[in-house]
C-alpha atoms as a PDB file:
ATOM      1  CA  UNK A   1      -3.423 -17.301 -90.687  1.00  0.00           C
ATOM      2  CA  UNK A   2       0.225 -18.522 -90.586  1.00  0.00           C
ATOM      3  CA  UNK A   3       3.113 -16.061 -91.083  1.00  0.00           C
ATOM      4  CA  UNK A   4       6.459 -17.656 -92.064  1.00  0.00           C
ATOM      5  CA  UNK A   5       8.799 -14.671 -91.933  1.00  0.00           C
ATOM      6  CA  UNK A   6      12.301 -14.248 -92.830  1.00  0.00           C
ATOM      7  CA  UNK A   7      14.328 -11.799 -90.464  1.00  0.00           C
ATOM      8  CA  UNK A   8      16.294 -10.424 -93.450  1.00  0.00           C
ATOM      9  CA  UNK A   9      13.845 -10.796 -96.194  1.00  0.00           C
ATOM     10  CA  UNK A  10      14.285  -7.786 -98.820  1.00  0.00           C
ATOM     11  CA  UNK A  11      11.307  -8.751-100.826  1.00  0.00           C
ATOM     12  CA  UNK A  12       8.838  -8.835 -97.724  1.00  0.00           C
ATOM     13  CA  UNK A  13      10.618  -6.732 -95.067  1.00  0.00           C
ATOM     14  CA  UNK A  14      10.376  -7.849 -91.543  1.00  0.00           C
ATOM     15  CA  UNK A  15       8.809  -4.502 -90.451  1.00  0.00           C
ATOM     16  CA  UNK A  16       5.996  -4.822 -93.003  1.00  0.00           C
ATOM     17  CA  UNK A  17       5.356  -8.289 -91.892  1.00  0.00           C
ATOM     18  CA  UNK A  18       5.101  -7.637 -88.218  1.00  0.00           C
ATOM     19  CA  UNK A  19       3.009  -4.700 -88.836  1.00  0.00           C
ATOM     20  CA  UNK A  20       0.342  -6.997 -90.494  1.00  0.00           C
ATOM     21  CA  UNK A  21       0.713  -9.237 -87.794  1.00  0.00           C
ATOM     22  CA  UNK A  22       0.290  -6.710 -85.104  1.00  0.00           C
ATOM     23  CA  UNK A  23      -2.893  -5.468 -86.833  1.00  0.00           C
ATOM     24  CA  UNK A  24      -4.255  -8.925 -86.532  1.00  0.00           C
ATOM     25  CA  UNK A  25      -3.292  -9.237 -82.915  1.00  0.00           C
ATOM     26  CA  UNK A  26      -5.127  -5.799 -82.330  1.00  0.00           C
ATOM     27  CA  UNK A  27      -8.408  -7.226 -83.879  1.00  0.00           C
ATOM     28  CA  UNK A  28      -7.940 -10.314 -81.948  1.00  0.00           C
ATOM     29  CA  UNK A  29      -7.595 -12.498 -85.097  1.00  0.00           C
ATOM     30  CA  UNK A  30      -5.865 -16.017 -84.576  1.00  0.00           C
ATOM     31  CA  UNK A  31      -2.666 -16.197 -86.102  1.00  0.00           C
ATOM     32  CA  UNK A  32       0.790 -18.039 -85.940  1.00  0.00           C
ATOM     33  CA  UNK A  33       4.273 -16.513 -86.588  1.00  0.00           C
ATOM     34  CA  UNK A  34       7.299 -18.551 -87.287  1.00  0.00           C
ATOM     35  CA  UNK A  35      10.326 -16.425 -87.795  1.00  0.00           C
ATOM     36  CA  UNK A  36      13.714 -17.541 -89.271  1.00  0.00           C
ATOM     37  CA  UNK A  37      17.038 -15.918 -89.571  1.00  0.00           C
ATOM     38  CA  UNK A  38      17.695 -15.822 -93.487  1.00  0.00           C
ATOM     39  CA  UNK A  39      15.937 -13.768 -96.124  1.00  0.00           C
ATOM     40  CA  UNK A  40      12.949 -14.477 -98.322  1.00  0.00           C
ATOM     41  CA  UNK A  41      13.882 -18.300 -98.517  1.00  0.00           C
ATOM     42  CA  UNK A  42      16.284 -20.571 -96.837  1.00  0.00           C
ATOM     43  CA  UNK A  43      18.836 -22.709 -98.783  1.00  0.00           C
ATOM     44  CA  UNK A  44      19.378 -24.891 -95.664  1.00  0.00           C
ATOM     45  CA  UNK A  45      17.672 -28.146 -95.830  1.00  0.00           C
ATOM     46  CA  UNK A  46      17.148 -28.323 -92.196  1.00  0.00           C
ATOM     47  CA  UNK A  47      15.445 -24.990 -92.081  1.00  0.00           C
ATOM     48  CA  UNK A  48      13.367 -25.913 -94.950  1.00  0.00           C
ATOM     49  CA  UNK A  49      12.068 -29.057 -93.161  1.00  0.00           C
ATOM     50  CA  UNK A  50      11.540 -27.212 -90.017  1.00  0.00           C
ATOM     51  CA  UNK A  51       9.276 -24.624 -92.013  1.00  0.00           C
ATOM     52  CA  UNK A  52       7.448 -27.732 -93.581  1.00  0.00           C
ATOM     53  CA  UNK A  53       6.763 -29.007 -90.303  1.00  0.00           C
ATOM     54  CA  UNK A  54       5.433 -25.593 -89.118  1.00  0.00           C
ATOM     55  CA  UNK A  55       3.073 -25.392 -92.085  1.00  0.00           C
ATOM     56  CA  UNK A  56       1.855 -29.045 -91.747  1.00  0.00           C
ATOM     57  CA  UNK A  57       1.323 -28.648 -88.122  1.00  0.00           C
ATOM     58  CA  UNK A  58      -0.790 -25.523 -88.526  1.00  0.00           C
ATOM     59  CA  UNK A  59      -3.038 -27.287 -91.144  1.00  0.00           C
ATOM     60  CA  UNK A  60      -3.439 -30.234 -88.955  1.00  0.00           C
ATOM     61  CA  UNK A  61      -4.544 -27.924 -85.955  1.00  0.00           C
ATOM     62  CA  UNK A  62      -6.572 -25.354 -88.005  1.00  0.00           C
ATOM     63  CA  UNK A  63      -8.159 -27.342 -90.913  1.00  0.00           C
ATOM     64  CA  UNK A  64     -11.167 -29.077 -89.918  1.00  0.00           C
ATOM     65  CA  UNK A  65     -11.152 -32.818 -90.919  1.00  0.00           C
ATOM     66  CA  UNK A  66      -7.503 -32.974 -91.933  1.00  0.00           C
ATOM     67  CA  UNK A  67      -5.644 -35.691 -90.315  1.00  0.00           C
ATOM     68  CA  UNK A  68      -1.758 -35.566 -89.957  1.00  0.00           C
ATOM     69  CA  UNK A  69      -0.013 -38.400 -91.854  1.00  0.00           C
END
C-alpha cells in the first residue's frame, strides 16, 4: 500500500493517516509513505510531478508485469 500524506491535511488528518501506517507496520505489511508539507493536495506543479513519480515508481515496483514507460 502506498500512502501519499499531506502534513497539514484537514480532510485526512496526519495523525489518523500515521495511525493507519503504524498498524500496518505492526502487522508486518508492506507499505510505503510519501509525505509532503501542504494539505489535502498541492497546487505546486513541482510537488504534483514528484507525487506522480512516487506513484508510478510504486506501481512499477509492486505490480507484476507492469513496465515503466
